[in-house]
Amino acid sequence: MPGTLLTEWFRTHPRAKIIDPTPGMGPILGAEFIAIAIGDLAIFGTPARLASYGGLARTK
């Protein structure tokens, strides 16, 4: 099944506990966020900016 290894990797990543509870986030999008942020989610500034980057929240 596609994404199985990625899902397993995401579930063991230390940042998964921050990303996974966000509504609309799953292991594939979560892994993409980790890759974009190079593991440092602080580059998004706030949880709202993180969610809006993924199209999961309104920006205005």
N, C-alpha and C. Protein backbone atom coordinates (compact mmCIF):
# COMPACT_ATOMS: atom_id res chain seq x y z
N MET A 1 0.85 -1.18 0.00
CA MET A 1 0.00 0.00 0.00
C MET A 1 0.89 1.25 0.00
N PRO A 2 0.65 2.18 -0.92
CA PRO A 2 1.46 3.41 -0.97
C PRO A 2 1.35 4.21 0.32
N GLY A 3 2.44 4.75 0.72
CA GLY A 3 2.45 5.59 1.91
C GLY A 3 2.66 4.85 3.21
N THR A 4 2.70 3.54 3.18
CA THR A 4 2.85 2.77 4.42
C THR A 4 4.16 3.09 5.13
N LEU A 5 5.26 3.09 4.41
CA LEU A 5 6.55 3.42 5.03
C LEU A 5 6.57 4.86 5.52
N LEU A 6 5.98 5.75 4.73
CA LEU A 6 5.93 7.16 5.12
C LEU A 6 5.08 7.33 6.37
N THR A 7 3.97 6.62 6.42
CA THR A 7 3.10 6.68 7.61
C THR A 7 3.84 6.17 8.84
N GLU A 8 4.53 5.06 8.71
CA GLU A 8 5.30 4.51 9.84
C GLU A 8 6.38 5.49 10.28
N TRP A 9 7.08 6.10 9.31
CA TRP A 9 8.12 7.08 9.65
C TRP A 9 7.50 8.26 10.38
N PHE A 10 6.40 8.78 9.85
CA PHE A 10 5.75 9.94 10.46
C PHE A 10 5.32 9.64 11.90
N ARG A 11 4.71 8.50 12.11
CA ARG A 11 4.22 8.14 13.46
C ARG A 11 5.34 8.07 14.50
N THR A 12 6.57 7.82 14.07
CA THR A 12 7.68 7.73 15.02
C THR A 12 8.46 9.04 15.15
N HIS A 13 8.12 10.04 14.32
CA HIS A 13 8.83 11.31 14.38
C HIS A 13 8.39 12.10 15.61
N PRO A 14 9.32 12.76 16.30
CA PRO A 14 8.96 13.51 17.51
C PRO A 14 7.94 14.62 17.27
N ARG A 15 7.89 15.19 16.08
CA ARG A 15 6.95 16.28 15.79
C ARG A 15 5.54 15.78 15.45
N ALA A 16 5.39 14.48 15.25
CA ALA A 16 4.08 13.93 14.90
C ALA A 16 3.04 14.22 15.97
N LYS A 17 3.45 14.22 17.23
CA LYS A 17 2.49 14.48 18.31
C LYS A 17 1.96 15.91 18.27
N ILE A 18 2.65 16.81 17.60
CA ILE A 18 2.19 18.18 17.45
C ILE A 18 1.27 18.29 16.22
N ILE A 19 1.65 17.64 15.14
CA ILE A 19 0.94 17.77 13.88
C ILE A 19 -0.31 16.90 13.81
N ASP A 20 -0.21 15.66 14.24
CA ASP A 20 -1.28 14.68 14.05
C ASP A 20 -2.64 15.09 14.62
N PRO A 21 -2.71 15.72 15.78
CA PRO A 21 -4.03 16.08 16.32
C PRO A 21 -4.75 17.20 15.55
N THR A 22 -4.05 17.89 14.66
CA THR A 22 -4.66 18.98 13.92
C THR A 22 -5.70 18.42 12.95
N PRO A 23 -6.94 18.92 13.03
CA PRO A 23 -7.98 18.43 12.12
C PRO A 23 -7.56 18.59 10.66
N GLY A 24 -7.74 17.54 9.89
CA GLY A 24 -7.39 17.56 8.48
C GLY A 24 -5.98 17.07 8.18
N MET A 25 -5.18 16.96 9.21
CA MET A 25 -3.80 16.49 9.03
C MET A 25 -3.76 14.99 9.15
N GLY A 26 -2.92 14.40 8.35
CA GLY A 26 -2.69 12.97 8.42
C GLY A 26 -1.21 12.73 8.26
N PRO A 27 -0.82 11.49 8.16
CA PRO A 27 0.61 11.19 8.08
C PRO A 27 1.28 11.68 6.81
N ILE A 28 0.58 11.71 5.68
CA ILE A 28 1.20 12.15 4.43
C ILE A 28 1.43 13.66 4.45
N LEU A 29 0.39 14.43 4.75
CA LEU A 29 0.54 15.89 4.83
C LEU A 29 1.47 16.25 5.99
N GLY A 30 1.38 15.53 7.10
CA GLY A 30 2.26 15.79 8.24
C GLY A 30 3.72 15.59 7.88
N ALA A 31 4.02 14.52 7.14
CA ALA A 31 5.39 14.27 6.71
C ALA A 31 5.87 15.37 5.77
N GLU A 32 4.97 15.86 4.93
CA GLU A 32 5.33 16.97 4.03
C GLU A 32 5.70 18.21 4.83
N PHE A 33 4.94 18.52 5.87
CA PHE A 33 5.24 19.67 6.71
C PHE A 33 6.61 19.53 7.37
N ILE A 34 6.91 18.33 7.87
CA ILE A 34 8.20 18.10 8.50
C ILE A 34 9.32 18.30 7.49
N ALA A 35 9.12 17.79 6.28
CA ALA A 35 10.14 17.94 5.24
C ALA A 35 10.34 19.41 4.87
N ILE A 36 9.26 20.15 4.71
CA ILE A 36 9.35 21.57 4.35
C ILE A 36 10.05 22.36 5.46
N ALA A 37 9.70 22.04 6.69
CA ALA A 37 10.26 22.77 7.84
C ALA A 37 11.62 22.24 8.25
N ILE A 38 12.11 21.23 7.57
CA ILE A 38 13.37 20.56 7.92
C ILE A 38 13.35 20.20 9.41
N GLY A 39 12.17 19.74 9.87
CA GLY A 39 12.02 19.29 11.25
C GLY A 39 11.75 20.38 12.26
N ASP A 40 11.86 21.64 11.86
CA ASP A 40 11.67 22.74 12.81
C ASP A 40 10.38 23.47 12.50
N LEU A 41 9.29 23.08 13.16
CA LEU A 41 7.99 23.67 12.89
C LEU A 41 7.90 25.13 13.33
N ALA A 42 8.88 25.61 14.06
CA ALA A 42 8.88 27.01 14.50
C ALA A 42 8.93 27.97 13.32
N ILE A 43 9.35 27.50 12.15
CA ILE A 43 9.39 28.41 11.00
C ILE A 43 8.01 28.90 10.62
N PHE A 44 6.96 28.19 11.05
CA PHE A 44 5.60 28.63 10.75
C PHE A 44 5.13 29.70 11.72
N GLY A 45 5.77 29.85 12.85
CA GLY A 45 5.44 30.90 13.80
C GLY A 45 4.33 30.55 14.77
N THR A 46 3.16 30.23 14.26
CA THR A 46 2.01 29.92 15.11
C THR A 46 1.29 28.69 14.57
N PRO A 47 0.50 28.02 15.41
CA PRO A 47 -0.29 26.89 14.92
C PRO A 47 -1.24 27.28 13.79
N ALA A 48 -1.79 28.49 13.88
CA ALA A 48 -2.71 28.97 12.83
C ALA A 48 -2.00 29.10 11.48
N ARG A 49 -0.77 29.59 11.50
CA ARG A 49 -0.02 29.72 10.25
C ARG A 49 0.35 28.35 9.69
N LEU A 50 0.65 27.42 10.56
CA LEU A 50 0.92 26.05 10.13
C LEU A 50 -0.30 25.47 9.43
N ALA A 51 -1.47 25.62 10.04
CA ALA A 51 -2.71 25.10 9.46
C ALA A 51 -3.06 25.82 8.16
N SER A 52 -2.88 27.12 8.11
CA SER A 52 -3.23 27.85 6.90
C SER A 52 -2.30 27.49 5.75
N TYR A 53 -1.05 27.19 6.04
CA TYR A 53 -0.10 26.77 5.00
C TYR A 53 -0.61 25.51 4.30
N GLY A 54 -1.18 24.62 5.05
CA GLY A 54 -1.69 23.37 4.49
C GLY A 54 -3.10 23.49 3.93
N GLY A 55 -3.66 24.71 3.97
CA GLY A 55 -5.02 24.91 3.47
C GLY A 55 -6.07 24.38 4.40
N LEU A 56 -5.73 24.29 5.68
CA LEU A 56 -6.66 23.72 6.66
C LEU A 56 -7.36 24.78 7.49
N ALA A 57 -7.04 26.04 7.27
CA ALA A 57 -7.65 27.11 8.04
C ALA A 57 -7.76 28.34 7.16
N ARG A 58 -8.75 29.16 7.47
CA ARG A 58 -8.89 30.41 6.74
C ARG A 58 -7.78 31.37 7.10
N THR A 59 -7.38 32.16 6.15
CA THR A 59 -6.34 33.13 6.42
C THR A 59 -6.90 34.48 6.84
N LYS A 60 -8.14 34.73 6.59
CA LYS A 60 -8.79 35.98 7.01
C LYS A 60 -10.13 35.69 7.60
